[in-house]
Amino acid sequence: MQASEAAFRAGVKRPTALPWLTAASAALCIAAALGLIAPGLAFIFKPLTTVLVIAQAWQRGHDAPKQRQLVLLGLALSLAGDVFLLWPKQGFLPGLVSFLLAHLAYIVAFCVPVRFAAKPSAFITYTALAAFILSQLWDGVPAALRAPVLAYVVCLAAMAAQTATWWRSAPNDPHARWAAIGGLLFMASDSLLAFNKFAAPLPWSALWILATYWLAQWCIAGSLRRAP
């Protein structure tokens, strides 16, 4: 197991190439989603982009194995959600559940460096923000989806609040800062997705939703310390 992991790390440890490969894959997926290139290419580049983010996380965090395992679990669950959401109607609910579980994994991961809700003000802020966003969208959410959507929003807001809690507890730690940026971007991405789905179509929605989503995941991966 250790030998195979070392081989994998050696194969992906390209600190200059990996961000560019991830950005190129994301751009191609967004172009496919916007119809600028063959739409079917999204079935390749959407999961591939998240796999590349997983590669970024895989080579990091060996000084905090529990947090690393949980971040990797969250990314793997996100990958499952990405695949489900390639079918927006049939895959929406299983995709929602996959991302809900991903956020639970992230919450536990970010409880490793600091206890849960150690900074209540972060939770108050994100609760208020989530409540406001949900109030603007609630009338457009079908009755059958209201319970899972509410559960998802609670988990998302708690995840973002816990990343902010870590940063407020360690303001000079760049890894905590990356986590907090990732949590905020995840809130932005999912708010845009929800608005586009339940309120009104957004122009160039795939660009805003997917760009903020992968930036969020990249930041969360970057919250793990790089191996020396």
Protein backbone atom coordinates (compact mmCIF):
# COMPACT_ATOMS: atom_id res chain seq x y z
CA MET A 1 0.00 0.00 0.00
CA GLN A 2 2.78 2.43 0.95
CA ALA A 3 4.75 1.55 -2.17
CA SER A 4 1.79 2.12 -4.47
CA GLU A 5 0.99 5.42 -2.76
CA ALA A 6 4.61 6.55 -3.13
CA ALA A 7 4.51 5.66 -6.82
CA PHE A 8 1.29 7.59 -7.29
CA ARG A 9 2.70 10.62 -5.50
CA ALA A 10 5.82 10.48 -7.64
CA GLY A 11 3.70 10.36 -10.77
CA VAL A 12 1.47 13.31 -9.93
CA LYS A 13 3.95 15.53 -8.12
CA ARG A 14 4.19 18.17 -10.80
CA PRO A 15 3.48 21.40 -8.93
CA THR A 16 3.60 23.55 -12.06
CA ALA A 17 1.77 21.23 -14.46
CA LEU A 18 -1.12 20.04 -12.30
CA PRO A 19 -2.85 23.42 -11.85
CA TRP A 20 -2.64 24.06 -15.59
CA LEU A 21 -3.97 20.61 -16.45
CA THR A 22 -6.85 21.13 -14.02
CA ALA A 23 -7.63 24.57 -15.42
CA ALA A 24 -7.53 23.26 -19.00
CA SER A 25 -9.84 20.35 -18.16
CA ALA A 26 -12.24 22.70 -16.34
CA ALA A 27 -12.25 25.12 -19.26
CA LEU A 28 -13.04 22.34 -21.72
CA CYS A 29 -15.88 21.09 -19.52
CA ILE A 30 -17.32 24.59 -19.23
CA ALA A 31 -17.02 25.07 -22.99
CA ALA A 32 -18.88 21.79 -23.53
CA ALA A 33 -21.58 22.79 -21.04
CA LEU A 34 -22.03 26.10 -22.86
CA GLY A 35 -22.25 24.36 -26.24
CA LEU A 36 -19.05 25.97 -27.52
CA ILE A 37 -17.65 22.49 -28.23
CA ALA A 38 -19.33 19.07 -28.42
CA PRO A 39 -21.58 18.80 -25.33
CA GLY A 40 -20.72 15.13 -24.89
CA LEU A 41 -17.16 16.10 -23.93
CA ALA A 42 -18.52 17.17 -20.53
CA PHE A 43 -18.85 13.46 -19.72
CA ILE A 44 -15.06 13.25 -20.00
CA PHE A 45 -13.84 16.57 -18.67
CA LYS A 46 -16.20 17.03 -15.72
CA PRO A 47 -15.07 13.92 -13.81
CA LEU A 48 -11.50 14.37 -15.08
CA THR A 49 -11.26 17.85 -13.54
CA THR A 50 -12.31 16.57 -10.14
CA VAL A 51 -9.90 13.63 -10.47
CA LEU A 52 -7.11 16.18 -11.04
CA VAL A 53 -8.17 18.06 -7.89
CA ILE A 54 -8.02 14.71 -6.05
CA ALA A 55 -4.47 14.29 -7.41
CA GLN A 56 -3.62 17.69 -5.93
CA ALA A 57 -4.97 16.63 -2.52
CA TRP A 58 -3.40 13.16 -2.69
CA GLN A 59 0.14 14.50 -2.55
CA ARG A 60 -0.59 16.71 0.47
CA GLY A 61 -1.59 16.38 4.10
CA HIS A 62 0.64 13.50 5.18
CA ASP A 63 1.36 15.33 8.44
CA ALA A 64 -2.38 15.17 9.30
CA PRO A 65 -3.52 11.74 8.06
CA LYS A 66 -7.03 11.89 9.52
CA GLN A 67 -7.76 15.27 7.93
CA ARG A 68 -6.21 14.10 4.65
CA GLN A 69 -8.37 10.95 4.54
CA LEU A 70 -11.52 12.96 5.20
CA VAL A 71 -10.72 15.59 2.56
CA LEU A 72 -10.03 12.81 0.06
CA LEU A 73 -13.32 11.16 1.03
CA GLY A 74 -15.12 14.46 0.49
CA LEU A 75 -13.53 14.82 -2.93
CA ALA A 76 -14.40 11.23 -3.87
CA LEU A 77 -18.03 11.85 -2.88
CA SER A 78 -17.94 15.07 -4.89
CA LEU A 79 -16.71 13.09 -7.89
CA ALA A 80 -19.73 10.80 -7.51
CA GLY A 81 -21.96 13.88 -7.33
CA ASP A 82 -20.35 15.31 -10.46
CA VAL A 83 -21.14 12.12 -12.36
CA PHE A 84 -24.75 12.01 -11.13
CA LEU A 85 -25.30 15.64 -12.13
CA LEU A 86 -24.26 14.91 -15.69
CA TRP A 87 -27.95 13.92 -15.85
CA PRO A 88 -29.49 17.07 -14.31
CA LYS A 89 -33.02 15.70 -13.81
CA GLN A 90 -32.57 12.02 -12.95
CA GLY A 91 -29.28 12.61 -11.16
CA PHE A 92 -30.19 15.68 -9.12
CA LEU A 93 -31.28 13.91 -5.94
CA PRO A 94 -28.45 11.33 -5.82
CA GLY A 95 -26.05 14.15 -6.70
CA LEU A 96 -27.45 16.23 -3.84
CA VAL A 97 -27.00 13.33 -1.41
CA SER A 98 -23.44 12.74 -2.62
CA PHE A 99 -22.49 16.36 -2.02
CA LEU A 100 -24.29 16.40 1.34
CA LEU A 101 -22.12 13.47 2.44
CA ALA A 102 -19.07 15.26 1.01
CA HIS A 103 -19.81 18.29 3.18
CA LEU A 104 -20.19 16.07 6.24
CA ALA A 105 -16.73 14.63 5.49
CA TYR A 106 -15.33 18.14 5.10
CA ILE A 107 -16.92 19.28 8.38
CA VAL A 108 -15.22 16.43 10.26
CA ALA A 109 -11.96 17.14 8.40
CA PHE A 110 -11.95 20.77 9.48
CA CYS A 111 -12.73 19.76 13.06
CA VAL A 112 -9.24 18.20 13.20
CA PRO A 113 -7.36 21.51 13.56
CA VAL A 114 -10.08 23.24 15.62
CA ARG A 115 -13.14 22.02 17.47
CA PHE A 116 -16.56 22.34 15.88
CA ALA A 117 -18.14 25.83 16.17
CA ALA A 118 -15.25 27.17 18.23
CA LYS A 119 -16.08 30.59 16.76
CA PRO A 120 -19.88 30.94 17.04
CA SER A 121 -19.86 34.22 15.10
CA ALA A 122 -18.82 32.32 11.94
CA PHE A 123 -21.83 30.03 12.31
CA ILE A 124 -24.16 32.95 12.97
CA THR A 125 -22.91 34.70 9.82
CA TYR A 126 -23.27 31.66 7.56
CA THR A 127 -26.62 30.69 9.07
CA ALA A 128 -27.97 34.14 8.30
CA LEU A 129 -26.55 34.03 4.78
CA ALA A 130 -27.97 30.55 4.10
CA ALA A 131 -31.37 31.54 5.49
CA PHE A 132 -31.50 34.60 3.28
CA ILE A 133 -30.55 32.65 0.14
CA LEU A 134 -33.04 29.88 0.94
CA SER A 135 -35.82 32.41 1.55
CA GLN A 136 -35.30 33.79 -1.96
CA LEU A 137 -35.51 30.34 -3.55
CA TRP A 138 -37.98 28.43 -1.37
CA ASP A 139 -41.09 29.07 -3.44
CA GLY A 140 -39.41 27.55 -6.49
CA VAL A 141 -38.26 24.36 -4.75
CA PRO A 142 -40.63 21.44 -5.48
CA ALA A 143 -42.30 20.00 -2.38
CA ALA A 144 -40.60 16.61 -2.85
CA LEU A 145 -37.17 18.25 -2.77
CA ARG A 146 -37.67 20.68 0.11
CA ALA A 147 -36.46 18.33 2.87
CA PRO A 148 -33.27 17.19 1.08
CA VAL A 149 -32.54 20.75 -0.10
CA LEU A 150 -32.93 22.07 3.46
CA ALA A 151 -30.66 19.33 4.83
CA TYR A 152 -28.11 20.10 2.16
CA VAL A 153 -28.11 23.83 2.88
CA VAL A 154 -27.61 23.17 6.60
CA CYS A 155 -24.58 20.94 5.87
CA LEU A 156 -23.14 23.36 3.32
CA ALA A 157 -23.46 26.34 5.67
CA ALA A 158 -21.94 24.34 8.55
CA MET A 159 -19.01 23.30 6.37
CA ALA A 160 -18.34 26.87 5.25
CA ALA A 161 -18.69 28.13 8.82
CA GLN A 162 -16.23 25.53 10.11
CA THR A 163 -13.64 26.58 7.52
CA ALA A 164 -14.10 30.18 8.66
CA THR A 165 -13.79 29.00 12.27
CA TRP A 166 -10.41 27.42 11.49
CA TRP A 167 -9.18 30.61 9.83
CA ARG A 168 -10.38 32.84 12.67
CA SER A 169 -8.67 30.52 15.14
CA ALA A 170 -5.41 30.57 13.15
CA PRO A 171 -5.44 33.77 11.06
CA ASN A 172 -1.77 33.46 10.08
CA ASP A 173 -2.07 29.88 8.84
CA PRO A 174 -2.26 29.93 5.01
CA HIS A 175 -3.88 26.48 4.98
CA ALA A 176 -6.72 27.74 7.14
CA ARG A 177 -7.11 30.68 4.78
CA TRP A 178 -7.35 28.36 1.76
CA ALA A 179 -10.02 26.34 3.56
CA ALA A 180 -12.05 29.47 4.36
CA ILE A 181 -11.86 30.68 0.76
CA GLY A 182 -12.93 27.23 -0.41
CA GLY A 183 -15.92 27.23 1.93
CA LEU A 184 -17.03 30.66 0.76
CA LEU A 185 -16.65 29.72 -2.91
CA PHE A 186 -18.65 26.53 -2.36
CA MET A 187 -21.47 28.63 -0.91
CA ALA A 188 -21.28 30.92 -3.94
CA SER A 189 -21.26 28.05 -6.43
CA ASP A 190 -24.20 26.21 -4.90
CA SER A 191 -26.17 29.43 -4.49
CA LEU A 192 -25.72 30.15 -8.19
CA LEU A 193 -26.72 26.57 -9.05
CA ALA A 194 -29.83 26.77 -6.87
CA PHE A 195 -30.83 30.15 -8.28
CA ASN A 196 -30.39 28.86 -11.82
CA LYS A 197 -32.45 25.74 -11.09
CA PHE A 198 -35.20 27.05 -8.82
CA ALA A 199 -35.54 30.77 -9.59
CA ALA A 200 -34.46 31.98 -13.04
CA PRO A 201 -31.93 30.88 -15.67
CA LEU A 202 -28.59 32.63 -15.38
CA PRO A 203 -26.71 33.73 -18.49
CA TRP A 204 -23.58 31.63 -18.93
CA SER A 205 -24.59 29.70 -15.81
CA ALA A 206 -22.15 26.83 -16.41
CA LEU A 207 -19.23 29.27 -16.37
CA TRP A 208 -20.07 30.83 -13.00
CA ILE A 209 -21.25 27.63 -11.31
CA LEU A 210 -18.44 25.33 -12.43
CA ALA A 211 -15.63 27.89 -12.14
CA THR A 212 -16.51 28.72 -8.52
CA TYR A 213 -17.09 25.02 -7.77
CA TRP A 214 -13.67 23.84 -8.92
CA LEU A 215 -11.92 26.83 -7.38
CA ALA A 216 -13.63 25.85 -4.10
CA GLN A 217 -12.47 22.26 -4.36
CA TRP A 218 -8.95 23.33 -5.33
CA CYS A 219 -8.78 25.60 -2.27
CA ILE A 220 -10.04 22.80 -0.02
CA ALA A 221 -7.37 20.49 -1.45
CA GLY A 222 -4.85 23.28 -0.85
CA SER A 223 -5.81 23.44 2.83
CA LEU A 224 -3.74 20.27 3.27
CA ARG A 225 -0.08 20.92 3.90
CA ARG A 226 2.28 20.11 1.01
CA ALA A 227 4.69 17.26 1.65
CA PRO A 228 8.30 18.45 2.03
